[in-house]
């Protein structure tokens, strides 16, 4: 019993003296232009990543389908989705440029 009280006392005294750490700012944008550029970079990365996943799934479906017409159509649909994803990734800088012109950055 006495040992438990000693351990609790040490834990409480140690917790009371610990100060919370200072928050660390990982990214601080200095202007709206920089924020929009960061948004563009994130959009391109996410869209290209999703398109690559669609392309991989399409290739796997095409190989696993082994000539089955239904699976071949699903694979073609996934290929189209991958192409659309890559096209959107290429258009992301254009969308951000339009946003910049609208906002005036």
N, C-alpha and C. Protein backbone atom coordinates (compact mmCIF):
# COMPACT_ATOMS: atom_id res chain seq x y z
N UNK A 1 0.82 -1.19 0.00
CA UNK A 1 0.00 0.00 0.00
C UNK A 1 0.86 1.25 0.00
N UNK A 2 1.90 1.22 0.83
CA UNK A 2 2.80 2.37 0.94
C UNK A 2 3.56 2.58 -0.37
N UNK A 3 3.90 1.48 -1.05
CA UNK A 3 4.60 1.57 -2.33
C UNK A 3 3.72 2.21 -3.40
N UNK A 4 2.44 1.89 -3.40
CA UNK A 4 1.50 2.46 -4.36
C UNK A 4 1.35 3.96 -4.14
N UNK A 5 1.30 4.38 -2.88
CA UNK A 5 1.17 5.80 -2.57
C UNK A 5 2.43 6.54 -3.01
N UNK A 6 3.60 5.92 -2.84
CA UNK A 6 4.85 6.56 -3.25
C UNK A 6 4.91 6.71 -4.76
N UNK A 7 4.49 5.69 -5.50
CA UNK A 7 4.50 5.76 -6.97
C UNK A 7 3.53 6.82 -7.46
N UNK A 8 2.34 6.89 -6.88
CA UNK A 8 1.36 7.89 -7.28
C UNK A 8 1.89 9.28 -6.96
N UNK A 9 2.55 9.44 -5.81
CA UNK A 9 3.12 10.74 -5.45
C UNK A 9 4.19 11.18 -6.42
N UNK A 10 5.03 10.27 -6.87
CA UNK A 10 6.07 10.61 -7.85
C UNK A 10 5.45 10.98 -9.18
N UNK A 11 4.45 10.24 -9.61
CA UNK A 11 3.78 10.54 -10.88
C UNK A 11 3.09 11.88 -10.85
N UNK A 12 2.41 12.19 -9.75
CA UNK A 12 1.70 13.46 -9.65
C UNK A 12 2.68 14.62 -9.61
N UNK A 13 3.76 14.47 -8.86
CA UNK A 13 4.73 15.58 -8.78
C UNK A 13 5.45 15.77 -10.10
N UNK A 14 5.70 14.69 -10.82
CA UNK A 14 6.35 14.82 -12.13
C UNK A 14 5.43 15.43 -13.16
N UNK A 15 4.15 15.11 -13.09
CA UNK A 15 3.20 15.64 -14.05
C UNK A 15 2.94 17.12 -13.81
N UNK A 16 3.02 17.56 -12.56
CA UNK A 16 2.73 18.96 -12.25
C UNK A 16 3.83 19.87 -12.74
N UNK A 17 5.06 19.38 -12.80
CA UNK A 17 6.16 20.24 -13.21
C UNK A 17 6.37 20.25 -14.71
N UNK A 18 5.74 19.36 -15.44
CA UNK A 18 5.92 19.30 -16.88
C UNK A 18 5.10 20.38 -17.56
N UNK A 19 5.76 21.20 -18.34
CA UNK A 19 5.07 22.25 -19.09
C UNK A 19 4.74 21.72 -20.48
N UNK A 20 3.61 22.12 -21.04
CA UNK A 20 3.28 21.65 -22.39
C UNK A 20 4.29 22.21 -23.40
N UNK A 21 4.61 21.44 -24.41
CA UNK A 21 5.59 21.91 -25.39
C UNK A 21 5.02 23.04 -26.24
N UNK A 22 5.90 23.87 -26.75
CA UNK A 22 5.48 24.96 -27.64
C UNK A 22 4.96 24.35 -28.94
N UNK A 23 3.86 24.88 -29.47
CA UNK A 23 3.38 24.36 -30.76
C UNK A 23 4.36 24.72 -31.88
N UNK A 24 4.57 23.78 -32.77
CA UNK A 24 5.49 23.97 -33.87
C UNK A 24 4.68 24.24 -35.13
N UNK A 25 4.96 25.33 -35.80
CA UNK A 25 4.29 25.66 -37.05
C UNK A 25 5.09 25.03 -38.17
N UNK A 26 4.47 24.09 -38.88
CA UNK A 26 5.17 23.39 -39.94
C UNK A 26 5.19 24.17 -41.24
N UNK A 27 4.13 24.87 -41.54
CA UNK A 27 4.06 25.61 -42.78
C UNK A 27 3.38 26.95 -42.51
N UNK A 28 4.04 27.99 -42.88
CA UNK A 28 3.49 29.32 -42.69
C UNK A 28 3.56 30.04 -44.03
N UNK A 29 2.41 30.29 -44.61
CA UNK A 29 2.37 30.95 -45.90
C UNK A 29 2.41 32.46 -45.68
N UNK A 30 3.23 33.12 -46.48
CA UNK A 30 3.38 34.55 -46.30
C UNK A 30 2.41 35.35 -47.18
N UNK A 31 1.81 34.68 -48.17
CA UNK A 31 0.90 35.41 -49.05
C UNK A 31 -0.17 34.47 -49.59
N UNK A 32 -1.21 35.06 -50.14
CA UNK A 32 -2.28 34.28 -50.75
C UNK A 32 -1.76 33.53 -51.98
N UNK A 33 -0.82 34.13 -52.69
CA UNK A 33 -0.23 33.48 -53.86
C UNK A 33 0.45 32.17 -53.46
N UNK A 34 1.15 32.19 -52.35
CA UNK A 34 1.82 30.99 -51.88
C UNK A 34 0.82 29.93 -51.44
N UNK A 35 -0.27 30.35 -50.83
CA UNK A 35 -1.31 29.40 -50.43
C UNK A 35 -1.92 28.73 -51.66
N UNK A 36 -2.21 29.51 -52.67
CA UNK A 36 -2.79 28.94 -53.90
C UNK A 36 -1.81 28.01 -54.60
N UNK A 37 -0.52 28.35 -54.57
CA UNK A 37 0.47 27.45 -55.15
C UNK A 37 0.54 26.14 -54.37
N UNK A 38 0.44 26.22 -53.05
CA UNK A 38 0.43 25.01 -52.24
C UNK A 38 -0.79 24.15 -52.54
N UNK A 39 -1.94 24.80 -52.72
CA UNK A 39 -3.16 24.07 -53.08
C UNK A 39 -2.99 23.37 -54.41
N UNK A 40 -2.39 24.06 -55.36
CA UNK A 40 -2.14 23.46 -56.67
C UNK A 40 -1.25 22.24 -56.55
N UNK A 41 -0.18 22.36 -55.78
CA UNK A 41 0.74 21.23 -55.63
C UNK A 41 0.05 20.03 -54.98
N UNK A 42 -0.78 20.29 -53.98
CA UNK A 42 -1.52 19.20 -53.34
C UNK A 42 -2.51 18.57 -54.31
N UNK A 43 -3.22 19.40 -55.08
CA UNK A 43 -4.17 18.86 -56.06
C UNK A 43 -3.49 17.96 -57.08
N UNK A 44 -2.38 18.43 -57.62
CA UNK A 44 -1.66 17.63 -58.62
C UNK A 44 -1.20 16.32 -58.01
N UNK A 45 -0.66 16.36 -56.81
CA UNK A 45 -0.19 15.14 -56.17
C UNK A 45 -1.30 14.14 -55.89
N UNK A 46 -2.41 14.64 -55.36
CA UNK A 46 -3.52 13.74 -55.03
C UNK A 46 -4.15 13.16 -56.29
N UNK A 47 -4.37 14.00 -57.29
CA UNK A 47 -4.99 13.51 -58.54
C UNK A 47 -4.09 12.53 -59.27
N UNK A 48 -2.80 12.81 -59.31
CA UNK A 48 -1.88 11.89 -59.97
C UNK A 48 -1.80 10.57 -59.21
N UNK A 49 -1.83 10.64 -57.89
CA UNK A 49 -1.81 9.41 -57.10
C UNK A 49 -3.06 8.56 -57.32
N UNK A 50 -4.21 9.20 -57.31
CA UNK A 50 -5.46 8.46 -57.56
C UNK A 50 -5.51 7.89 -58.97
N UNK A 51 -5.02 8.65 -59.93
CA UNK A 51 -4.99 8.16 -61.30
C UNK A 51 -4.07 6.95 -61.43
N UNK A 52 -2.97 6.97 -60.72
CA UNK A 52 -2.05 5.83 -60.75
C UNK A 52 -2.68 4.60 -60.13
N UNK A 53 -3.44 4.80 -59.06
CA UNK A 53 -4.15 3.66 -58.45
C UNK A 53 -5.18 3.11 -59.44
N UNK A 54 -5.92 3.99 -60.12
CA UNK A 54 -6.91 3.53 -61.11
C UNK A 54 -6.22 2.78 -62.25
N UNK A 55 -5.08 3.28 -62.67
CA UNK A 55 -4.34 2.63 -63.75
C UNK A 55 -3.87 1.24 -63.33
N UNK A 56 -3.41 1.13 -62.10
CA UNK A 56 -2.96 -0.16 -61.59
C UNK A 56 -4.12 -1.14 -61.48
N UNK A 57 -5.24 -0.68 -60.97
CA UNK A 57 -6.43 -1.55 -60.86
C UNK A 57 -6.90 -1.96 -62.25
N UNK A 58 -6.87 -1.05 -63.20
CA UNK A 58 -7.31 -1.38 -64.56
C UNK A 58 -6.41 -2.44 -65.17
N UNK A 59 -5.10 -2.29 -64.99
CA UNK A 59 -4.18 -3.29 -65.53
C UNK A 59 -4.38 -4.65 -64.89
N UNK A 60 -4.59 -4.66 -63.58
CA UNK A 60 -4.82 -5.93 -62.89
C UNK A 60 -6.12 -6.57 -63.35
N UNK A 61 -7.16 -5.77 -63.50
CA UNK A 61 -8.45 -6.33 -63.97
C UNK A 61 -8.32 -6.88 -65.38
N UNK A 62 -7.58 -6.19 -66.21
CA UNK A 62 -7.41 -6.64 -67.59
C UNK A 62 -6.65 -7.96 -67.63
N UNK A 63 -5.62 -8.08 -66.81
CA UNK A 63 -4.85 -9.32 -66.79
C UNK A 63 -5.62 -10.46 -66.15
N UNK A 64 -6.32 -10.18 -65.06
CA UNK A 64 -7.05 -11.22 -64.35
C UNK A 64 -8.30 -11.65 -65.12
N UNK A 65 -8.87 -10.72 -65.90
CA UNK A 65 -10.10 -11.02 -66.64
C UNK A 65 -9.92 -12.11 -67.67
N UNK A 66 -8.74 -12.23 -68.25
CA UNK A 66 -8.40 -13.31 -69.20
C UNK A 66 -9.42 -13.46 -70.32
N UNK A 67 -9.83 -12.34 -70.89
CA UNK A 67 -10.71 -12.40 -72.05
C UNK A 67 -12.18 -12.34 -71.73
N UNK A 68 -12.57 -12.31 -70.48
CA UNK A 68 -13.97 -12.20 -70.10
C UNK A 68 -14.47 -10.81 -70.50
N UNK A 69 -15.52 -10.73 -71.33
CA UNK A 69 -15.98 -9.43 -71.82
C UNK A 69 -16.40 -8.46 -70.72
N UNK A 70 -17.02 -8.96 -69.67
CA UNK A 70 -17.46 -8.08 -68.58
C UNK A 70 -16.26 -7.49 -67.85
N UNK A 71 -15.26 -8.30 -67.58
CA UNK A 71 -14.06 -7.81 -66.90
C UNK A 71 -13.26 -6.87 -67.80
N UNK A 72 -13.25 -7.15 -69.09
CA UNK A 72 -12.55 -6.27 -70.03
C UNK A 72 -13.21 -4.90 -70.05
N UNK A 73 -14.52 -4.86 -70.01
CA UNK A 73 -15.23 -3.57 -69.98
C UNK A 73 -14.95 -2.82 -68.68
N UNK A 74 -14.89 -3.54 -67.55
CA UNK A 74 -14.56 -2.89 -66.28
C UNK A 74 -13.14 -2.34 -66.32
N UNK A 75 -12.23 -3.09 -66.95
CA UNK A 75 -10.85 -2.61 -67.07
C UNK A 75 -10.78 -1.37 -67.95
N UNK A 76 -11.53 -1.37 -69.03
CA UNK A 76 -11.55 -0.19 -69.91
C UNK A 76 -12.13 1.02 -69.18
N UNK A 77 -13.13 0.79 -68.37
CA UNK A 77 -13.72 1.87 -67.59
C UNK A 77 -12.70 2.44 -66.60
N UNK A 78 -11.93 1.56 -65.96
CA UNK A 78 -10.89 2.02 -65.03
C UNK A 78 -9.78 2.75 -65.78
N UNK A 79 -9.44 2.31 -66.99
CA UNK A 79 -8.45 3.02 -67.81
C UNK A 79 -8.94 4.43 -68.13
N UNK A 80 -10.22 4.56 -68.45
CA UNK A 80 -10.78 5.89 -68.74
C UNK A 80 -10.72 6.78 -67.50
N UNK A 81 -11.02 6.20 -66.33
CA UNK A 81 -10.94 6.96 -65.09
C UNK A 81 -9.52 7.41 -64.82
N UNK A 82 -8.55 6.56 -65.11
CA UNK A 82 -7.14 6.94 -64.92
C UNK A 82 -6.76 8.07 -65.88
N UNK A 83 -7.20 7.98 -67.11
CA UNK A 83 -6.91 9.06 -68.08
C UNK A 83 -7.55 10.37 -67.63
N UNK A 84 -8.77 10.30 -67.14
CA UNK A 84 -9.44 11.50 -66.64
C UNK A 84 -8.68 12.07 -65.44
N UNK A 85 -8.21 11.23 -64.56
CA UNK A 85 -7.44 11.69 -63.41
C UNK A 85 -6.16 12.37 -63.82
N UNK A 86 -5.44 11.81 -64.78
CA UNK A 86 -4.21 12.45 -65.26
C UNK A 86 -4.52 13.77 -65.95
N UNK A 87 -5.63 13.82 -66.71
CA UNK A 87 -6.01 15.08 -67.36
C UNK A 87 -6.34 16.15 -66.33
N UNK A 88 -7.06 15.78 -65.28
CA UNK A 88 -7.36 16.74 -64.22
C UNK A 88 -6.11 17.20 -63.49
N UNK A 89 -5.16 16.28 -63.32
CA UNK A 89 -3.90 16.66 -62.68
C UNK A 89 -3.14 17.67 -63.53
N UNK A 90 -3.22 17.51 -64.85
CA UNK A 90 -2.55 18.48 -65.74
C UNK A 90 -3.29 19.81 -65.76
N UNK A 91 -4.60 19.79 -65.54
CA UNK A 91 -5.39 21.01 -65.56
C UNK A 91 -5.42 21.74 -64.22
N UNK A 92 -4.93 21.12 -63.16
CA UNK A 92 -4.95 21.76 -61.84
C UNK A 92 -4.22 23.10 -61.83
N UNK A 93 -3.06 23.24 -62.48
CA UNK A 93 -2.43 24.57 -62.51
C UNK A 93 -3.29 25.62 -63.21
N UNK A 94 -4.05 25.21 -64.21
CA UNK A 94 -4.93 26.15 -64.91
C UNK A 94 -6.06 26.59 -63.98
N UNK A 95 -6.61 25.66 -63.22
CA UNK A 95 -7.68 25.99 -62.28
C UNK A 95 -7.18 26.97 -61.23
N UNK A 96 -5.98 26.74 -60.73
CA UNK A 96 -5.41 27.63 -59.72
C UNK A 96 -5.11 29.00 -60.32
N UNK A 97 -4.67 29.04 -61.58
CA UNK A 97 -4.43 30.32 -62.25
C UNK A 97 -5.73 31.11 -62.39
N UNK A 98 -6.81 30.41 -62.70
CA UNK A 98 -8.11 31.08 -62.78
C UNK A 98 -8.53 31.60 -61.42
N UNK A 99 -8.32 30.80 -60.37
CA UNK A 99 -8.62 31.25 -59.01
C UNK A 99 -7.80 32.48 -58.64
N UNK A 100 -6.55 32.49 -59.04
CA UNK A 100 -5.70 33.65 -58.74
C UNK A 100 -6.21 34.89 -59.43
N UNK A 101 -6.69 34.75 -60.67
CA UNK A 101 -7.18 35.92 -61.38
C UNK A 101 -8.50 36.41 -60.79
N UNK A 102 -9.31 35.47 -60.29
CA UNK A 102 -10.59 35.85 -59.68
C UNK A 102 -10.34 36.56 -58.35
N UNK A 103 -9.44 36.01 -57.55
CA UNK A 103 -9.16 36.56 -56.23
C UNK A 103 -8.32 37.83 -56.34
N UNK A 104 -7.50 37.89 -57.37
CA UNK A 104 -6.63 39.06 -57.54
C UNK A 104 -5.27 38.87 -56.89
N UNK A 105 -4.84 37.65 -56.73
CA UNK A 105 -3.54 37.40 -56.10
C UNK A 105 -2.43 37.46 -57.11
